[in-house]
Amino acid sequence: MKTVKKNGITIRPEEQKDRRAVEELARDSFFNVYRPGCLEHYVLHVMRDSFDFVKELDFVMEKGGELIGQNVFVKAKIRADSGKDIPIVTMGPICIRNDLKRKGYGKMLLDYSLERAKEMGFGAVCFEGNIAFYGKSGFDYASKFGIRYHGLPEGADSSFFLCKELIPGYLKDVTGEYKTPDIYFVDEKEAEEFDKTFPPKQKLKLPGQLFG
């Protein structure tokens, strides 16, 4: 997969030597955001060995030679109501260094990586995220495509569940259910042990967190 350089920014494939720094970046970015502490750095650590991990869509972003962002993709599927499995991808963790958030770098990385996924022939992306940000890159509510989120009761708020067709019409006449790939559901005790290999950070319970 090619490297792109523009206005002092480089987006390139992650290399073996980047892995710890990428995990540190994800840890700093997600710590105390959705829960006290975070799991995202451990998810990254274990997902690279998953059969469904798309190695060609594992990207880092650099500014002035320093790591400032990362994004990854994992193969997933929609279990269509017709009984067929529709292959798609899901995405993330994706993050930008804390001091550079809300400056356009996240969208730059996102748009680049989505274009590469399209070039590889993937037809659609389903993802859990905020429409206010991801809508700017063409995501819409998955419900508009007739795609349901696994385990969510009928009528429940599904505004967090987003979808983007990479190939126009890929999901035409498809209705069905999406289930987050198992690789995202890591053992929290194992994640806790892994976290001890990083510099100490204080876990805080904050308003707005999704998990306690």
N, C-alpha and C. Protein backbone atom coordinates (compact mmCIF):
# COMPACT_ATOMS: atom_id res chain seq x y z
N MET A 1 0.86 -1.19 0.00
CA MET A 1 0.00 0.00 0.00
C MET A 1 0.89 1.24 0.00
N LYS A 2 0.54 2.21 -0.82
CA LYS A 2 1.41 3.36 -1.04
C LYS A 2 1.42 4.30 0.15
N THR A 3 2.45 5.14 0.19
CA THR A 3 2.59 6.19 1.19
C THR A 3 2.22 7.52 0.53
N VAL A 4 1.51 8.37 1.25
CA VAL A 4 1.17 9.69 0.74
C VAL A 4 1.81 10.74 1.64
N LYS A 5 2.35 11.78 0.99
CA LYS A 5 2.94 12.90 1.72
C LYS A 5 2.33 14.18 1.18
N LYS A 6 1.83 15.02 2.12
CA LYS A 6 1.18 16.26 1.70
C LYS A 6 1.23 17.27 2.83
N ASN A 7 1.73 18.46 2.53
CA ASN A 7 1.76 19.56 3.51
C ASN A 7 2.39 19.14 4.84
N GLY A 8 3.48 18.40 4.77
CA GLY A 8 4.19 17.99 5.98
C GLY A 8 3.60 16.81 6.69
N ILE A 9 2.53 16.23 6.13
CA ILE A 9 1.87 15.07 6.72
C ILE A 9 2.19 13.83 5.88
N THR A 10 2.51 12.74 6.56
CA THR A 10 2.73 11.45 5.90
C THR A 10 1.72 10.44 6.42
N ILE A 11 1.08 9.73 5.52
CA ILE A 11 0.23 8.60 5.89
C ILE A 11 0.83 7.38 5.21
N ARG A 12 1.13 6.37 6.01
CA ARG A 12 1.82 5.19 5.48
C ARG A 12 1.36 3.95 6.23
N PRO A 13 1.68 2.77 5.69
CA PRO A 13 1.36 1.53 6.41
C PRO A 13 2.12 1.45 7.73
N GLU A 14 1.46 0.91 8.75
CA GLU A 14 2.15 0.66 10.02
C GLU A 14 3.22 -0.41 9.81
N GLU A 15 4.34 -0.23 10.48
CA GLU A 15 5.42 -1.22 10.45
C GLU A 15 5.56 -1.84 11.84
N GLN A 16 6.26 -2.96 11.90
CA GLN A 16 6.46 -3.66 13.16
C GLN A 16 7.04 -2.73 14.22
N LYS A 17 7.97 -1.88 13.81
CA LYS A 17 8.64 -0.98 14.76
C LYS A 17 7.71 0.10 15.32
N ASP A 18 6.58 0.31 14.67
CA ASP A 18 5.64 1.35 15.11
C ASP A 18 4.70 0.87 16.21
N ARG A 19 4.59 -0.44 16.41
CA ARG A 19 3.46 -0.99 17.16
C ARG A 19 3.34 -0.45 18.58
N ARG A 20 4.40 -0.42 19.32
CA ARG A 20 4.30 0.07 20.69
C ARG A 20 3.92 1.54 20.72
N ALA A 21 4.50 2.33 19.84
CA ALA A 21 4.18 3.76 19.80
C ALA A 21 2.72 3.97 19.42
N VAL A 22 2.19 3.14 18.52
CA VAL A 22 0.78 3.24 18.14
C VAL A 22 -0.12 2.90 19.33
N GLU A 23 0.27 1.87 20.08
CA GLU A 23 -0.51 1.50 21.26
C GLU A 23 -0.47 2.61 22.31
N GLU A 24 0.69 3.27 22.47
CA GLU A 24 0.79 4.38 23.41
C GLU A 24 -0.09 5.55 22.97
N LEU A 25 -0.10 5.81 21.65
CA LEU A 25 -0.94 6.87 21.11
C LEU A 25 -2.42 6.59 21.38
N ALA A 26 -2.85 5.36 21.11
CA ALA A 26 -4.25 4.99 21.34
C ALA A 26 -4.60 5.08 22.82
N ARG A 27 -3.69 4.64 23.67
CA ARG A 27 -3.94 4.70 25.12
C ARG A 27 -4.14 6.14 25.57
N ASP A 28 -3.25 7.03 25.14
CA ASP A 28 -3.37 8.44 25.53
C ASP A 28 -4.66 9.05 24.99
N SER A 29 -5.03 8.67 23.78
CA SER A 29 -6.19 9.27 23.13
C SER A 29 -7.51 8.84 23.77
N PHE A 30 -7.60 7.57 24.20
CA PHE A 30 -8.86 7.03 24.69
C PHE A 30 -8.96 6.95 26.21
N PHE A 31 -7.88 7.25 26.92
CA PHE A 31 -7.87 7.06 28.36
C PHE A 31 -8.93 7.94 29.03
N ASN A 32 -9.80 7.31 29.81
CA ASN A 32 -10.90 7.97 30.56
C ASN A 32 -11.96 8.60 29.66
N VAL A 33 -11.99 8.25 28.37
CA VAL A 33 -13.00 8.82 27.48
C VAL A 33 -14.32 8.05 27.58
N TYR A 34 -14.28 6.74 27.33
CA TYR A 34 -15.50 5.93 27.34
C TYR A 34 -15.68 5.13 28.63
N ARG A 35 -14.62 5.04 29.41
CA ARG A 35 -14.62 4.30 30.67
C ARG A 35 -13.43 4.79 31.48
N PRO A 36 -13.38 4.50 32.76
CA PRO A 36 -12.14 4.77 33.50
C PRO A 36 -11.01 3.95 32.89
N GLY A 37 -9.93 4.60 32.49
CA GLY A 37 -8.89 3.91 31.73
C GLY A 37 -9.34 3.72 30.30
N CYS A 38 -8.87 2.65 29.65
CA CYS A 38 -9.33 2.33 28.31
C CYS A 38 -8.89 0.91 27.94
N LEU A 39 -9.48 0.40 26.86
CA LEU A 39 -9.14 -0.93 26.34
C LEU A 39 -8.55 -0.86 24.94
N GLU A 40 -8.66 0.29 24.29
CA GLU A 40 -8.34 0.37 22.86
C GLU A 40 -6.90 -0.03 22.53
N HIS A 41 -5.96 0.32 23.39
CA HIS A 41 -4.57 -0.04 23.09
C HIS A 41 -4.37 -1.55 23.14
N TYR A 42 -5.11 -2.22 24.03
CA TYR A 42 -5.01 -3.69 24.09
C TYR A 42 -5.74 -4.33 22.91
N VAL A 43 -6.86 -3.74 22.52
CA VAL A 43 -7.55 -4.22 21.33
C VAL A 43 -6.61 -4.19 20.13
N LEU A 44 -5.92 -3.09 19.94
CA LEU A 44 -4.94 -3.00 18.86
C LEU A 44 -3.86 -4.06 18.98
N HIS A 45 -3.41 -4.28 20.20
CA HIS A 45 -2.32 -5.22 20.44
C HIS A 45 -2.69 -6.64 20.00
N VAL A 46 -3.92 -7.05 20.28
CA VAL A 46 -4.32 -8.43 19.97
C VAL A 46 -4.93 -8.57 18.58
N MET A 47 -5.54 -7.51 18.04
CA MET A 47 -6.26 -7.67 16.77
C MET A 47 -5.31 -7.87 15.59
N ARG A 48 -4.08 -7.40 15.70
CA ARG A 48 -3.15 -7.55 14.57
C ARG A 48 -2.90 -9.01 14.22
N ASP A 49 -3.13 -9.91 15.16
CA ASP A 49 -2.94 -11.34 14.91
C ASP A 49 -4.23 -12.04 14.50
N SER A 50 -5.31 -11.28 14.38
CA SER A 50 -6.59 -11.85 14.00
C SER A 50 -6.62 -12.18 12.51
N PHE A 51 -7.29 -13.26 12.16
CA PHE A 51 -7.43 -13.67 10.77
C PHE A 51 -8.16 -12.60 9.97
N ASP A 52 -9.06 -11.87 10.62
CA ASP A 52 -9.89 -10.89 9.92
C ASP A 52 -9.26 -9.49 9.86
N PHE A 53 -8.12 -9.31 10.51
CA PHE A 53 -7.43 -8.02 10.47
C PHE A 53 -6.91 -7.77 9.06
N VAL A 54 -7.19 -6.58 8.51
CA VAL A 54 -6.76 -6.25 7.15
C VAL A 54 -5.42 -5.52 7.22
N LYS A 55 -4.34 -6.27 7.06
CA LYS A 55 -3.01 -5.70 7.24
C LYS A 55 -2.72 -4.57 6.25
N GLU A 56 -3.33 -4.66 5.07
CA GLU A 56 -3.11 -3.63 4.06
C GLU A 56 -3.81 -2.31 4.40
N LEU A 57 -4.69 -2.34 5.39
CA LEU A 57 -5.42 -1.14 5.79
C LEU A 57 -5.10 -0.76 7.23
N ASP A 58 -3.84 -0.91 7.59
CA ASP A 58 -3.34 -0.58 8.92
C ASP A 58 -2.42 0.63 8.75
N PHE A 59 -2.90 1.82 9.09
CA PHE A 59 -2.21 3.05 8.74
C PHE A 59 -1.76 3.85 9.95
N VAL A 60 -0.65 4.56 9.77
CA VAL A 60 -0.22 5.57 10.74
C VAL A 60 -0.09 6.90 10.02
N MET A 61 -0.24 7.97 10.78
CA MET A 61 -0.07 9.34 10.27
C MET A 61 1.06 10.00 11.04
N GLU A 62 1.94 10.68 10.30
CA GLU A 62 3.07 11.39 10.92
C GLU A 62 3.05 12.86 10.53
N LYS A 63 3.49 13.67 11.44
CA LYS A 63 3.67 15.11 11.19
C LYS A 63 5.06 15.48 11.66
N GLY A 64 5.88 15.95 10.75
CA GLY A 64 7.26 16.27 11.10
C GLY A 64 8.02 15.08 11.62
N GLY A 65 7.69 13.90 11.12
CA GLY A 65 8.37 12.68 11.53
C GLY A 65 7.86 12.09 12.83
N GLU A 66 6.87 12.74 13.47
CA GLU A 66 6.32 12.24 14.73
C GLU A 66 4.95 11.59 14.49
N LEU A 67 4.71 10.48 15.16
CA LEU A 67 3.44 9.78 15.05
C LEU A 67 2.32 10.61 15.65
N ILE A 68 1.26 10.86 14.86
CA ILE A 68 0.15 11.66 15.40
C ILE A 68 -1.22 10.98 15.20
N GLY A 69 -1.27 9.88 14.45
CA GLY A 69 -2.56 9.26 14.22
C GLY A 69 -2.45 7.83 13.73
N GLN A 70 -3.54 7.09 13.83
CA GLN A 70 -3.59 5.72 13.34
C GLN A 70 -5.03 5.31 13.03
N ASN A 71 -5.16 4.32 12.13
CA ASN A 71 -6.47 3.74 11.84
C ASN A 71 -6.27 2.31 11.34
N VAL A 72 -7.23 1.45 11.64
CA VAL A 72 -7.18 0.05 11.23
C VAL A 72 -8.56 -0.42 10.78
N PHE A 73 -8.57 -1.51 10.01
CA PHE A 73 -9.82 -2.10 9.53
C PHE A 73 -9.83 -3.60 9.80
N VAL A 74 -11.03 -4.12 10.01
CA VAL A 74 -11.23 -5.55 10.27
C VAL A 74 -12.38 -6.04 9.39
N LYS A 75 -12.23 -7.21 8.82
CA LYS A 75 -13.31 -7.79 8.02
C LYS A 75 -14.50 -8.11 8.91
N ALA A 76 -15.69 -7.86 8.38
CA ALA A 76 -16.93 -8.11 9.11
C ALA A 76 -17.98 -8.59 8.12
N LYS A 77 -19.21 -8.74 8.57
CA LYS A 77 -20.26 -9.18 7.65
C LYS A 77 -21.62 -8.71 8.15
N ILE A 78 -22.52 -8.63 7.22
CA ILE A 78 -23.93 -8.41 7.52
C ILE A 78 -24.65 -9.73 7.27
N ARG A 79 -25.34 -10.23 8.26
CA ARG A 79 -26.17 -11.42 8.08
C ARG A 79 -27.51 -10.96 7.50
N ALA A 80 -27.63 -11.09 6.20
CA ALA A 80 -28.80 -10.58 5.50
C ALA A 80 -30.04 -11.40 5.86
N ASP A 81 -31.19 -10.75 5.79
CA ASP A 81 -32.44 -11.45 6.07
C ASP A 81 -32.71 -12.55 5.05
N SER A 82 -32.05 -12.47 3.90
CA SER A 82 -32.19 -13.51 2.88
C SER A 82 -31.43 -14.79 3.24
N GLY A 83 -30.58 -14.69 4.30
CA GLY A 83 -29.76 -15.82 4.70
C GLY A 83 -28.33 -15.74 4.22
N LYS A 84 -28.05 -14.80 3.33
CA LYS A 84 -26.70 -14.64 2.82
C LYS A 84 -25.85 -13.80 3.78
N ASP A 85 -24.55 -14.02 3.77
CA ASP A 85 -23.61 -13.16 4.48
C ASP A 85 -23.03 -12.16 3.49
N ILE A 86 -23.15 -10.88 3.81
CA ILE A 86 -22.64 -9.82 2.95
C ILE A 86 -21.32 -9.33 3.53
N PRO A 87 -20.19 -9.57 2.86
CA PRO A 87 -18.90 -9.15 3.41
C PRO A 87 -18.74 -7.63 3.39
N ILE A 88 -18.28 -7.09 4.51
CA ILE A 88 -18.00 -5.66 4.64
C ILE A 88 -16.73 -5.52 5.49
N VAL A 89 -16.40 -4.31 5.86
CA VAL A 89 -15.35 -4.08 6.86
C VAL A 89 -15.91 -3.17 7.95
N THR A 90 -15.28 -3.25 9.11
CA THR A 90 -15.49 -2.27 10.15
C THR A 90 -14.16 -1.59 10.42
N MET A 91 -14.15 -0.62 11.28
CA MET A 91 -12.99 0.26 11.37
C MET A 91 -12.70 0.61 12.83
N GLY A 92 -11.43 0.84 13.10
CA GLY A 92 -11.04 1.36 14.39
C GLY A 92 -10.43 0.30 15.31
N PRO A 93 -9.76 0.79 16.36
CA PRO A 93 -9.71 2.18 16.82
C PRO A 93 -9.03 3.11 15.81
N ILE A 94 -9.54 4.33 15.74
CA ILE A 94 -8.92 5.41 14.97
C ILE A 94 -8.72 6.56 15.94
N CYS A 95 -7.55 7.17 15.90
CA CYS A 95 -7.32 8.30 16.82
C CYS A 95 -6.26 9.24 16.29
N ILE A 96 -6.28 10.44 16.83
CA ILE A 96 -5.30 11.49 16.57
C ILE A 96 -4.74 11.95 17.91
N ARG A 97 -3.47 12.32 17.92
CA ARG A 97 -2.83 12.77 19.16
C ARG A 97 -3.66 13.89 19.80
N ASN A 98 -3.77 13.86 21.10
CA ASN A 98 -4.68 14.75 21.82
C ASN A 98 -4.51 16.23 21.48
N ASP A 99 -3.27 16.68 21.38
CA ASP A 99 -3.05 18.11 21.15
C ASP A 99 -3.33 18.55 19.72
N LEU A 100 -3.61 17.57 18.84
CA LEU A 100 -3.88 17.89 17.44
C LEU A 100 -5.30 17.53 17.01
N LYS A 101 -6.14 17.18 17.98
CA LYS A 101 -7.52 16.87 17.64
C LYS A 101 -8.28 18.13 17.21
N ARG A 102 -9.32 17.90 16.38
CA ARG A 102 -10.18 18.98 15.89
C ARG A 102 -9.42 20.00 15.06
N LYS A 103 -8.40 19.53 14.34
CA LYS A 103 -7.64 20.38 13.43
C LYS A 103 -7.66 19.85 12.00
N GLY A 104 -8.50 18.84 11.74
CA GLY A 104 -8.63 18.33 10.38
C GLY A 104 -7.81 17.09 10.08
N TYR A 105 -6.93 16.71 11.00
CA TYR A 105 -6.07 15.55 10.72
C TYR A 105 -6.86 14.24 10.73
N GLY A 106 -7.85 14.15 11.62
CA GLY A 106 -8.64 12.93 11.69
C GLY A 106 -9.40 12.68 10.40
N LYS A 107 -10.00 13.73 9.85
CA LYS A 107 -10.74 13.58 8.59
C LYS A 107 -9.79 13.22 7.45
N MET A 108 -8.61 13.82 7.44
CA MET A 108 -7.63 13.51 6.41
C MET A 108 -7.26 12.02 6.44
N LEU A 109 -6.99 11.52 7.63
CA LEU A 109 -6.63 10.11 7.78
C LEU A 109 -7.81 9.21 7.43
N LEU A 110 -8.99 9.58 7.89
CA LEU A 110 -10.19 8.80 7.62
C LEU A 110 -10.47 8.71 6.12
N ASP A 111 -10.47 9.84 5.45
CA ASP A 111 -10.79 9.85 4.02
C ASP A 111 -9.77 9.05 3.21
N TYR A 112 -8.50 9.19 3.58
CA TYR A 112 -7.46 8.43 2.89
C TYR A 112 -7.67 6.93 3.06
N SER A 113 -7.90 6.51 4.29
CA SER A 113 -8.01 5.07 4.55
C SER A 113 -9.28 4.48 3.94
N LEU A 114 -10.37 5.26 3.90
CA LEU A 114 -11.59 4.78 3.24
C LEU A 114 -11.37 4.61 1.74
N GLU A 115 -10.63 5.50 1.15
CA GLU A 115 -10.34 5.40 -0.28
C GLU A 115 -9.50 4.16 -0.58
N ARG A 116 -8.55 3.86 0.32
CA ARG A 116 -7.74 2.65 0.12
C ARG A 116 -8.60 1.39 0.27
N ALA A 117 -9.54 1.42 1.22
CA ALA A 117 -10.44 0.27 1.39
C ALA A 117 -11.28 0.07 0.14
N LYS A 118 -11.74 1.16 -0.45
CA LYS A 118 -12.51 1.07 -1.69
C LYS A 118 -11.66 0.48 -2.80
N GLU A 119 -10.41 0.92 -2.91
CA GLU A 119 -9.51 0.40 -3.95
C GLU A 119 -9.28 -1.10 -3.81
N MET A 120 -9.35 -1.60 -2.57
CA MET A 120 -9.17 -3.03 -2.34
C MET A 120 -10.43 -3.83 -2.66
N GLY A 121 -11.53 -3.13 -2.95
CA GLY A 121 -12.74 -3.82 -3.35
C GLY A 121 -13.77 -4.03 -2.26
N PHE A 122 -13.52 -3.48 -1.08
CA PHE A 122 -14.52 -3.61 -0.02
C PHE A 122 -15.72 -2.72 -0.35
N GLY A 123 -16.92 -3.27 -0.13
CA GLY A 123 -18.12 -2.60 -0.60
C GLY A 123 -18.74 -1.62 0.37
N ALA A 124 -18.53 -1.84 1.67
CA ALA A 124 -19.17 -0.98 2.66
C ALA A 124 -18.43 -1.08 3.99
N VAL A 125 -18.62 -0.04 4.81
CA VAL A 125 -18.06 0.01 6.16
C VAL A 125 -19.20 0.24 7.15
N CYS A 126 -19.29 -0.58 8.17
CA CYS A 126 -20.17 -0.32 9.30
C CYS A 126 -19.31 -0.02 10.51
N PHE A 127 -19.77 0.90 11.35
CA PHE A 127 -18.89 1.44 12.37
C PHE A 127 -19.73 2.10 13.45
N GLU A 128 -19.21 2.09 14.67
CA GLU A 128 -19.88 2.77 15.78
C GLU A 128 -19.17 4.10 16.02
N GLY A 129 -19.90 5.19 15.81
CA GLY A 129 -19.26 6.49 15.94
C GLY A 129 -20.27 7.63 15.97
N ASN A 130 -19.74 8.84 15.96
CA ASN A 130 -20.54 10.06 16.08
C ASN A 130 -20.82 10.62 14.68
N ILE A 131 -22.10 10.70 14.32
CA ILE A 131 -22.47 11.18 12.99
C ILE A 131 -21.98 12.60 12.73
N ALA A 132 -21.83 13.40 13.78
CA ALA A 132 -21.40 14.79 13.61
C ALA A 132 -20.01 14.86 12.98
N PHE A 133 -19.16 13.89 13.30
CA PHE A 133 -17.83 13.85 12.69
C PHE A 133 -17.81 12.98 11.45
N TYR A 134 -18.28 11.75 11.57
CA TYR A 134 -18.14 10.79 10.47
C TYR A 134 -19.09 11.10 9.30
N GLY A 135 -20.15 11.84 9.57
CA GLY A 135 -21.03 12.25 8.49
C GLY A 135 -20.32 13.12 7.47
N LYS A 136 -19.28 13.84 7.90
CA LYS A 136 -18.52 14.70 6.99
C LYS A 136 -17.74 13.89 5.97
N SER A 137 -17.58 12.59 6.23
CA SER A 137 -16.87 11.71 5.30
C SER A 137 -17.81 10.72 4.62
N GLY A 138 -19.11 11.04 4.65
CA GLY A 138 -20.06 10.24 3.89
C GLY A 138 -20.77 9.14 4.63
N PHE A 139 -20.54 9.02 5.94
CA PHE A 139 -21.27 8.03 6.73
C PHE A 139 -22.69 8.52 6.97
N ASP A 140 -23.60 7.56 7.09
CA ASP A 140 -24.99 7.86 7.45
C ASP A 140 -25.44 6.83 8.47
N TYR A 141 -26.62 7.04 9.01
CA TYR A 141 -27.15 6.07 9.96
C TYR A 141 -27.36 4.73 9.24
N ALA A 142 -26.88 3.64 9.84
CA ALA A 142 -27.00 2.32 9.21
C ALA A 142 -28.46 1.93 9.01
N SER A 143 -29.33 2.45 9.86
CA SER A 143 -30.75 2.13 9.73
C SER A 143 -31.31 2.58 8.38
N LYS A 144 -30.71 3.62 7.79
CA LYS A 144 -31.17 4.08 6.49
C LYS A 144 -30.84 3.08 5.38
N PHE A 145 -29.89 2.18 5.66
CA PHE A 145 -29.54 1.13 4.70
C PHE A 145 -30.28 -0.17 5.00
N GLY A 146 -31.12 -0.15 6.06
CA GLY A 146 -31.81 -1.37 6.43
C GLY A 146 -30.96 -2.33 7.23
N ILE A 147 -29.89 -1.80 7.86
CA ILE A 147 -28.97 -2.64 8.63
C ILE A 147 -29.22 -2.41 10.12
N ARG A 148 -29.43 -3.49 10.85
CA ARG A 148 -29.69 -3.43 12.29
C ARG A 148 -28.43 -3.80 13.07
N TYR A 149 -28.36 -3.31 14.30
CA TYR A 149 -27.23 -3.61 15.18
C TYR A 149 -27.57 -4.81 16.05
N HIS A 150 -26.70 -5.79 16.06
CA HIS A 150 -26.95 -7.05 16.78
C HIS A 150 -27.29 -6.80 18.25
N GLY A 151 -28.39 -7.38 18.70
CA GLY A 151 -28.75 -7.33 20.10
C GLY A 151 -29.47 -6.08 20.54
N LEU A 152 -29.65 -5.12 19.63
CA LEU A 152 -30.31 -3.87 20.00
C LEU A 152 -31.82 -4.05 19.87
N PRO A 153 -32.57 -3.79 20.94
CA PRO A 153 -34.03 -3.96 20.88
C PRO A 153 -34.67 -3.07 19.82
N GLU A 154 -35.74 -3.54 19.23
CA GLU A 154 -36.44 -2.75 18.23
C GLU A 154 -36.92 -1.44 18.85
N GLY A 155 -36.66 -0.35 18.17
CA GLY A 155 -37.07 0.96 18.65
C GLY A 155 -36.02 1.66 19.50
N ALA A 156 -34.96 0.95 19.87
CA ALA A 156 -33.90 1.56 20.69
C ALA A 156 -33.07 2.52 19.83
N ASP A 157 -32.44 3.47 20.49
CA ASP A 157 -31.62 4.46 19.78
C ASP A 157 -30.43 3.76 19.12
N SER A 158 -30.32 3.88 17.81
CA SER A 158 -29.20 3.27 17.08
C SER A 158 -28.40 4.34 16.34
N SER A 159 -28.48 5.58 16.83
CA SER A 159 -27.82 6.68 16.12
C SER A 159 -26.29 6.58 16.16
N PHE A 160 -25.77 5.73 17.02
CA PHE A 160 -24.32 5.51 17.10
C PHE A 160 -23.83 4.59 15.99
N PHE A 161 -24.75 3.86 15.34
CA PHE A 161 -24.39 2.82 14.39
C PHE A 161 -24.44 3.39 12.98
N LEU A 162 -23.28 3.51 12.35
CA LEU A 162 -23.14 4.22 11.08
C LEU A 162 -22.72 3.28 9.95
N CYS A 163 -22.95 3.73 8.74
CA CYS A 163 -22.59 2.93 7.57
C CYS A 163 -22.21 3.85 6.42
N LYS A 164 -21.31 3.38 5.59
CA LYS A 164 -20.94 4.09 4.36
C LYS A 164 -20.72 3.06 3.26
N GLU A 165 -21.39 3.24 2.16
CA GLU A 165 -21.10 2.41 0.98
C GLU A 165 -19.82 2.92 0.33
N LEU A 166 -18.89 2.02 0.09
CA LEU A 166 -17.68 2.37 -0.66
C LEU A 166 -17.91 2.13 -2.14
N ILE A 167 -18.70 1.12 -2.44
CA ILE A 167 -19.12 0.86 -3.82
C ILE A 167 -20.60 1.25 -3.90
N PRO A 168 -20.94 2.27 -4.69
CA PRO A 168 -22.34 2.71 -4.76
C PRO A 168 -23.29 1.56 -5.12
N GLY A 169 -24.36 1.43 -4.35
CA GLY A 169 -25.34 0.39 -4.59
C GLY A 169 -25.01 -0.96 -3.99
N TYR A 170 -23.88 -1.05 -3.26
CA TYR A 170 -23.44 -2.34 -2.72
C TYR A 170 -24.49 -2.94 -1.78
N LEU A 171 -25.18 -2.09 -1.03
CA LEU A 171 -26.17 -2.57 -0.08
C LEU A 171 -27.61 -2.42 -0.58
N LYS A 172 -27.75 -2.17 -1.88
CA LYS A 172 -29.09 -2.04 -2.45
C LYS A 172 -29.87 -3.34 -2.26
N ASP A 173 -31.07 -3.22 -1.76
CA ASP A 173 -31.97 -4.36 -1.53
C ASP A 173 -31.46 -5.31 -0.44
N VAL A 174 -30.48 -4.88 0.35
CA VAL A 174 -29.98 -5.69 1.46
C VAL A 174 -30.59 -5.18 2.77
N THR A 175 -31.20 -6.04 3.53
CA THR A 175 -31.57 -5.74 4.91
C THR A 175 -30.98 -6.85 5.76
N GLY A 176 -30.60 -6.53 6.99
CA GLY A 176 -30.02 -7.57 7.82
C GLY A 176 -29.41 -7.03 9.09
N GLU A 177 -28.58 -7.85 9.71
CA GLU A 177 -28.03 -7.53 11.03
C GLU A 177 -26.51 -7.57 11.01
N TYR A 178 -25.94 -6.59 11.67
CA TYR A 178 -24.48 -6.50 11.83
C TYR A 178 -24.11 -6.85 13.26
N LYS A 179 -23.06 -7.63 13.39
CA LYS A 179 -22.52 -7.96 14.72
C LYS A 179 -21.05 -7.55 14.75
N THR A 180 -20.68 -6.78 15.77
CA THR A 180 -19.28 -6.38 15.93
C THR A 180 -18.39 -7.61 16.00
N PRO A 181 -17.29 -7.67 15.23
CA PRO A 181 -16.41 -8.83 15.27
C PRO A 181 -15.91 -9.13 16.69
N ASP A 182 -15.78 -10.40 16.99
CA ASP A 182 -15.41 -10.83 18.35
C ASP A 182 -14.09 -10.25 18.83
N ILE A 183 -13.18 -9.92 17.91
CA ILE A 183 -11.86 -9.45 18.30
C ILE A 183 -11.93 -8.16 19.12
N TYR A 184 -13.04 -7.42 19.01
CA TYR A 184 -13.17 -6.17 19.76
C TYR A 184 -13.55 -6.42 21.22
N PHE A 185 -13.99 -7.63 21.54
CA PHE A 185 -14.43 -7.93 22.91
C PHE A 185 -13.31 -8.65 23.66
N VAL A 186 -12.38 -7.87 24.17
CA VAL A 186 -11.20 -8.44 24.82
C VAL A 186 -11.47 -8.73 26.29
N ASP A 187 -10.64 -9.58 26.86
CA ASP A 187 -10.71 -9.90 28.29
C ASP A 187 -10.19 -8.70 29.09
N GLU A 188 -11.04 -8.13 29.92
CA GLU A 188 -10.67 -6.91 30.63
C GLU A 188 -9.55 -7.14 31.65
N LYS A 189 -9.48 -8.33 32.22
CA LYS A 189 -8.39 -8.62 33.16
C LYS A 189 -7.06 -8.70 32.42
N GLU A 190 -7.07 -9.30 31.23
CA GLU A 190 -5.86 -9.35 30.42
C GLU A 190 -5.46 -7.94 29.98
N ALA A 191 -6.45 -7.13 29.66
CA ALA A 191 -6.18 -5.75 29.28
C ALA A 191 -5.56 -4.98 30.44
N GLU A 192 -6.04 -5.26 31.65
CA GLU A 192 -5.50 -4.60 32.84
C GLU A 192 -4.03 -4.96 33.04
N GLU A 193 -3.69 -6.22 32.85
CA GLU A 193 -2.30 -6.64 32.99
C GLU A 193 -1.43 -6.00 31.92
N PHE A 194 -1.95 -5.93 30.69
CA PHE A 194 -1.22 -5.30 29.61
C PHE A 194 -0.98 -3.82 29.91
N ASP A 195 -1.97 -3.17 30.49
CA ASP A 195 -1.86 -1.75 30.78
C ASP A 195 -0.76 -1.45 31.79
N LYS A 196 -0.45 -2.43 32.63
CA LYS A 196 0.60 -2.24 33.63
C LYS A 196 1.99 -2.11 33.00
N THR A 197 2.11 -2.46 31.72
CA THR A 197 3.41 -2.33 31.05
C THR A 197 3.63 -0.92 30.51
N PHE A 198 2.66 -0.03 30.72
CA PHE A 198 2.75 1.37 30.29
C PHE A 198 2.96 2.26 31.52
N PRO A 199 3.40 3.49 31.32
CA PRO A 199 3.54 4.41 32.45
C PRO A 199 2.21 4.60 33.17
N PRO A 200 2.22 4.71 34.49
CA PRO A 200 0.97 4.84 35.25
C PRO A 200 0.16 6.07 34.84
N LYS A 201 -1.15 5.88 34.75
CA LYS A 201 -2.08 6.99 34.52
C LYS A 201 -3.26 6.78 35.46
N GLN A 202 -3.84 7.84 35.94
CA GLN A 202 -4.95 7.75 36.89
C GLN A 202 -6.26 7.50 36.16
N LYS A 203 -6.93 6.42 36.52
CA LYS A 203 -8.25 6.13 35.97
C LYS A 203 -9.29 6.98 36.69
N LEU A 204 -10.13 7.63 35.90
CA LEU A 204 -11.13 8.52 36.48
C LEU A 204 -12.51 8.15 35.95
N LYS A 205 -13.50 8.20 36.84
CA LYS A 205 -14.90 8.03 36.41
C LYS A 205 -15.44 9.44 36.12
N LEU A 206 -15.78 9.68 34.86
CA LEU A 206 -16.17 11.02 34.44
C LEU A 206 -17.56 11.03 33.83
N PRO A 207 -18.23 12.17 33.88
CA PRO A 207 -19.55 12.27 33.23
C PRO A 207 -19.46 11.98 31.74
N GLY A 208 -20.44 11.28 31.21
CA GLY A 208 -20.48 11.01 29.79
C GLY A 208 -19.84 9.70 29.38
N GLN A 209 -19.13 9.05 30.29
CA GLN A 209 -18.54 7.76 29.95
C GLN A 209 -19.66 6.72 29.74
N LEU A 210 -19.40 5.81 28.81
CA LEU A 210 -20.42 4.80 28.47
C LEU A 210 -20.36 3.57 29.37
N PHE A 211 -19.18 3.29 29.90
CA PHE A 211 -18.98 2.09 30.71
C PHE A 211 -18.37 2.49 32.05
N GLY A 212 -18.79 1.77 33.10
CA GLY A 212 -18.31 2.12 34.42
C GLY A 212 -17.32 1.16 34.96
